[in-house]
Amino acid sequence: GKTMNDTKVNEPTITLTKRMLSKSIIDANKSLTVFFKEYIGGGSYDSIDNGTKMVHPAVLSSFDAKEVMETTITLYRRPRGDKLLSIQNLSAFAKEGDTVKFDMMDDQIWMVVHTPSELGDAA
């Protein structure tokens, strides 16, 4: 069985569903809200009013980094406060069941797409 590496417990990840890819709407889970707060600070959900959004530059990358694409990630809150995000061009890069891991490199948000088998290799 796989065990979570202690230092990686809060590793910000999303496993993609069909709805996320077709609607480009992703609910920000706890690991992501913590990640954005830690790394973006002023641009995190704490500083977004309900019903508004904030766009950040980002990079999409395949697991082997053979494919890399500049993109944007939009953080927004519904009028009632739900925390959501949208990743431009995600559906061109990832499929249902893939996992996206978020990281910060050179002041940019990197989103590395892992297929289920690559996720196994990386564990």
C-alpha atoms as a PDB file:
ATOM      1  CA  GLY A   1       0.000   0.000   0.000  1.00  0.00           C
ATOM      2  CA  LYS A   2       1.027   3.586  -0.547  1.00  0.00           C
ATOM      3  CA  THR A   3       1.661   5.795   2.424  1.00  0.00           C
ATOM      4  CA  MET A   4       1.580   9.549   2.336  1.00  0.00           C
ATOM      5  CA  ASN A   5       4.984  11.069   2.826  1.00  0.00           C
ATOM      6  CA  ASP A   6       4.633  13.224   5.954  1.00  0.00           C
ATOM      7  CA  THR A   7       6.060  16.342   4.347  1.00  0.00           C
ATOM      8  CA  LYS A   8       3.653  15.982   1.441  1.00  0.00           C
ATOM      9  CA  VAL A   9       0.401  15.689   3.355  1.00  0.00           C
ATOM     10  CA  ASN A  10      -0.712  19.130   2.226  1.00  0.00           C
ATOM     11  CA  GLU A  11       0.586  18.714  -1.291  1.00  0.00           C
ATOM     12  CA  PRO A  12      -1.939  20.613  -3.375  1.00  0.00           C
ATOM     13  CA  THR A  13      -3.480  18.213  -5.859  1.00  0.00           C
ATOM     14  CA  ILE A  14      -6.685  17.805  -7.818  1.00  0.00           C
ATOM     15  CA  THR A  15      -7.899  14.625  -9.459  1.00  0.00           C
ATOM     16  CA  LEU A  16      -9.784  15.654 -12.560  1.00  0.00           C
ATOM     17  CA  THR A  17     -13.387  14.715 -13.210  1.00  0.00           C
ATOM     18  CA  LYS A  18     -15.300  14.997 -16.454  1.00  0.00           C
ATOM     19  CA  ARG A  19     -17.220  17.977 -15.078  1.00  0.00           C
ATOM     20  CA  MET A  20     -14.036  19.858 -14.187  1.00  0.00           C
ATOM     21  CA  LEU A  21     -12.754  19.454 -17.739  1.00  0.00           C
ATOM     22  CA  SER A  22     -15.985  20.206 -19.577  1.00  0.00           C
ATOM     23  CA  LYS A  23     -17.018  23.163 -17.446  1.00  0.00           C
ATOM     24  CA  SER A  24     -13.497  24.305 -16.525  1.00  0.00           C
ATOM     25  CA  ILE A  25     -14.757  24.822 -13.001  1.00  0.00           C
ATOM     26  CA  ILE A  26     -12.891  23.250 -10.111  1.00  0.00           C
ATOM     27  CA  ASP A  27     -13.755  23.488  -6.429  1.00  0.00           C
ATOM     28  CA  ALA A  28     -10.717  24.640  -4.502  1.00  0.00           C
ATOM     29  CA  ASN A  29     -10.040  22.002  -1.872  1.00  0.00           C
ATOM     30  CA  LYS A  30      -8.286  22.683   1.432  1.00  0.00           C
ATOM     31  CA  SER A  31      -4.826  21.869   0.097  1.00  0.00           C
ATOM     32  CA  LEU A  32      -5.266  24.423  -2.687  1.00  0.00           C
ATOM     33  CA  THR A  33      -6.611  27.245  -0.532  1.00  0.00           C
ATOM     34  CA  VAL A  34      -3.645  26.727   1.825  1.00  0.00           C
ATOM     35  CA  PHE A  35      -1.214  26.663  -1.125  1.00  0.00           C
ATOM     36  CA  PHE A  36      -2.526  29.910  -2.607  1.00  0.00           C
ATOM     37  CA  LYS A  37      -2.529  31.625   0.763  1.00  0.00           C
ATOM     38  CA  GLU A  38       1.043  30.530   1.424  1.00  0.00           C
ATOM     39  CA  TYR A  39       2.489  31.426  -1.973  1.00  0.00           C
ATOM     40  CA  ILE A  40       0.328  34.156  -3.445  1.00  0.00           C
ATOM     41  CA  GLY A  41      -0.641  35.909  -0.247  1.00  0.00           C
ATOM     42  CA  GLY A  42      -2.407  39.028  -1.487  1.00  0.00           C
ATOM     43  CA  GLY A  43      -3.808  37.154  -4.448  1.00  0.00           C
ATOM     44  CA  SER A  44      -5.345  34.317  -2.484  1.00  0.00           C
ATOM     45  CA  TYR A  45      -8.990  33.683  -1.654  1.00  0.00           C
ATOM     46  CA  ASP A  46      -8.730  35.824   1.485  1.00  0.00           C
ATOM     47  CA  SER A  47      -8.476  38.932  -0.667  1.00  0.00           C
ATOM     48  CA  ILE A  48     -11.158  38.031  -3.204  1.00  0.00           C
ATOM     49  CA  ASP A  49     -14.609  39.391  -2.466  1.00  0.00           C
ATOM     50  CA  ASN A  50     -17.624  37.176  -3.066  1.00  0.00           C
ATOM     51  CA  GLY A  51     -18.637  37.356  -6.703  1.00  0.00           C
ATOM     52  CA  THR A  52     -15.205  38.523  -7.891  1.00  0.00           C
ATOM     53  CA  LYS A  53     -12.102  36.880  -9.327  1.00  0.00           C
ATOM     54  CA  MET A  54      -8.355  37.209  -9.706  1.00  0.00           C
ATOM     55  CA  VAL A  55      -6.194  35.921 -12.557  1.00  0.00           C
ATOM     56  CA  HIS A  56      -2.623  34.648 -12.100  1.00  0.00           C
ATOM     57  CA  PRO A  57      -0.077  33.542 -14.699  1.00  0.00           C
ATOM     58  CA  ALA A  58       0.714  29.844 -14.505  1.00  0.00           C
ATOM     59  CA  VAL A  59       2.390  26.993 -16.361  1.00  0.00           C
ATOM     60  CA  LEU A  60       0.925  23.630 -17.337  1.00  0.00           C
ATOM     61  CA  SER A  61       3.436  20.821 -17.689  1.00  0.00           C
ATOM     62  CA  SER A  62       3.357  17.134 -18.474  1.00  0.00           C
ATOM     63  CA  PHE A  63       4.902  14.783 -15.917  1.00  0.00           C
ATOM     64  CA  ASP A  64       8.070  14.385 -18.011  1.00  0.00           C
ATOM     65  CA  ALA A  65       8.117  18.140 -18.800  1.00  0.00           C
ATOM     66  CA  LYS A  66       8.227  17.368 -22.525  1.00  0.00           C
ATOM     67  CA  GLU A  67       5.120  19.493 -22.966  1.00  0.00           C
ATOM     68  CA  VAL A  68       4.979  22.850 -21.239  1.00  0.00           C
ATOM     69  CA  MET A  69       2.387  25.543 -21.869  1.00  0.00           C
ATOM     70  CA  GLU A  70       1.960  29.030 -20.421  1.00  0.00           C
ATOM     71  CA  THR A  71      -1.535  29.492 -19.108  1.00  0.00           C
ATOM     72  CA  THR A  72      -3.542  31.358 -16.513  1.00  0.00           C
ATOM     73  CA  ILE A  73      -5.328  30.253 -13.405  1.00  0.00           C
ATOM     74  CA  THR A  74      -8.369  32.195 -12.278  1.00  0.00           C
ATOM     75  CA  LEU A  75      -9.389  32.108  -8.631  1.00  0.00           C
ATOM     76  CA  TYR A  76     -12.916  33.233  -7.985  1.00  0.00           C
ATOM     77  CA  ARG A  77     -15.657  33.189  -5.422  1.00  0.00           C
ATOM     78  CA  ARG A  78     -19.314  32.693  -6.084  1.00  0.00           C
ATOM     79  CA  PRO A  79     -21.652  35.347  -4.693  1.00  0.00           C
ATOM     80  CA  ARG A  80     -22.242  33.119  -1.673  1.00  0.00           C
ATOM     81  CA  GLY A  81     -18.521  32.629  -1.131  1.00  0.00           C
ATOM     82  CA  ASP A  82     -17.691  29.223  -2.652  1.00  0.00           C
ATOM     83  CA  LYS A  83     -14.013  29.064  -3.625  1.00  0.00           C
ATOM     84  CA  LEU A  84     -13.509  27.985  -7.230  1.00  0.00           C
ATOM     85  CA  LEU A  85     -10.762  28.000  -9.796  1.00  0.00           C
ATOM     86  CA  SER A  86     -10.445  27.674 -13.511  1.00  0.00           C
ATOM     87  CA  ILE A  87      -7.347  26.644 -15.482  1.00  0.00           C
ATOM     88  CA  GLN A  88      -7.105  27.881 -19.038  1.00  0.00           C
ATOM     89  CA  ASN A  89      -6.359  25.147 -21.633  1.00  0.00           C
ATOM     90  CA  LEU A  90      -6.547  22.379 -19.043  1.00  0.00           C
ATOM     91  CA  SER A  91      -8.701  20.157 -21.254  1.00  0.00           C
ATOM     92  CA  ALA A  92      -6.091  20.330 -24.024  1.00  0.00           C
ATOM     93  CA  PHE A  93      -3.507  19.037 -21.605  1.00  0.00           C
ATOM     94  CA  ALA A  94      -5.226  16.611 -19.265  1.00  0.00           C
ATOM     95  CA  LYS A  95      -7.833  13.887 -19.264  1.00  0.00           C
ATOM     96  CA  GLU A  96     -10.433  12.663 -16.823  1.00  0.00           C
ATOM     97  CA  GLY A  97      -8.744  10.740 -14.003  1.00  0.00           C
ATOM     98  CA  ASP A  98      -5.443  12.603 -14.303  1.00  0.00           C
ATOM     99  CA  THR A  99      -4.037  14.318 -11.231  1.00  0.00           C
ATOM    100  CA  VAL A 100      -2.746  17.872 -11.272  1.00  0.00           C
ATOM    101  CA  LYS A 101      -0.091  18.764  -8.705  1.00  0.00           C
ATOM    102  CA  PHE A 102       0.522  22.397  -7.899  1.00  0.00           C
ATOM    103  CA  ASP A 103       3.956  23.795  -7.178  1.00  0.00           C
ATOM    104  CA  MET A 104       5.641  27.179  -7.061  1.00  0.00           C
ATOM    105  CA  MET A 105       8.761  27.744  -9.156  1.00  0.00           C
ATOM    106  CA  ASP A 106      10.338  31.089  -9.997  1.00  0.00           C
ATOM    107  CA  ASP A 107       7.307  32.951  -8.667  1.00  0.00           C
ATOM    108  CA  GLN A 108       5.020  31.124 -11.054  1.00  0.00           C
ATOM    109  CA  ILE A 109       2.375  28.547 -10.343  1.00  0.00           C
ATOM    110  CA  TRP A 110       3.292  25.247 -12.029  1.00  0.00           C
ATOM    111  CA  MET A 111       0.624  22.634 -12.566  1.00  0.00           C
ATOM    112  CA  VAL A 112       2.097  19.246 -13.404  1.00  0.00           C
ATOM    113  CA  VAL A 113      -0.280  16.720 -14.915  1.00  0.00           C
ATOM    114  CA  HIS A 114       0.171  13.087 -13.861  1.00  0.00           C
ATOM    115  CA  THR A 115      -1.670  10.205 -15.477  1.00  0.00           C
ATOM    116  CA  PRO A 116      -2.711   7.462 -13.024  1.00  0.00           C
ATOM    117  CA  SER A 117       0.313   5.345 -13.980  1.00  0.00           C
ATOM    118  CA  GLU A 118       2.710   8.277 -13.679  1.00  0.00           C
ATOM    119  CA  LEU A 119       1.242   9.021 -10.278  1.00  0.00           C
ATOM    120  CA  GLY A 120       2.125   5.472  -9.262  1.00  0.00           C
ATOM    121  CA  ASP A 121       5.673   5.944 -10.520  1.00  0.00           C
ATOM    122  CA  ALA A 122       6.066   9.206  -8.650  1.00  0.00           C
ATOM    123  CA  ALA A 123       4.815   7.864  -5.343  1.00  0.00           C
END
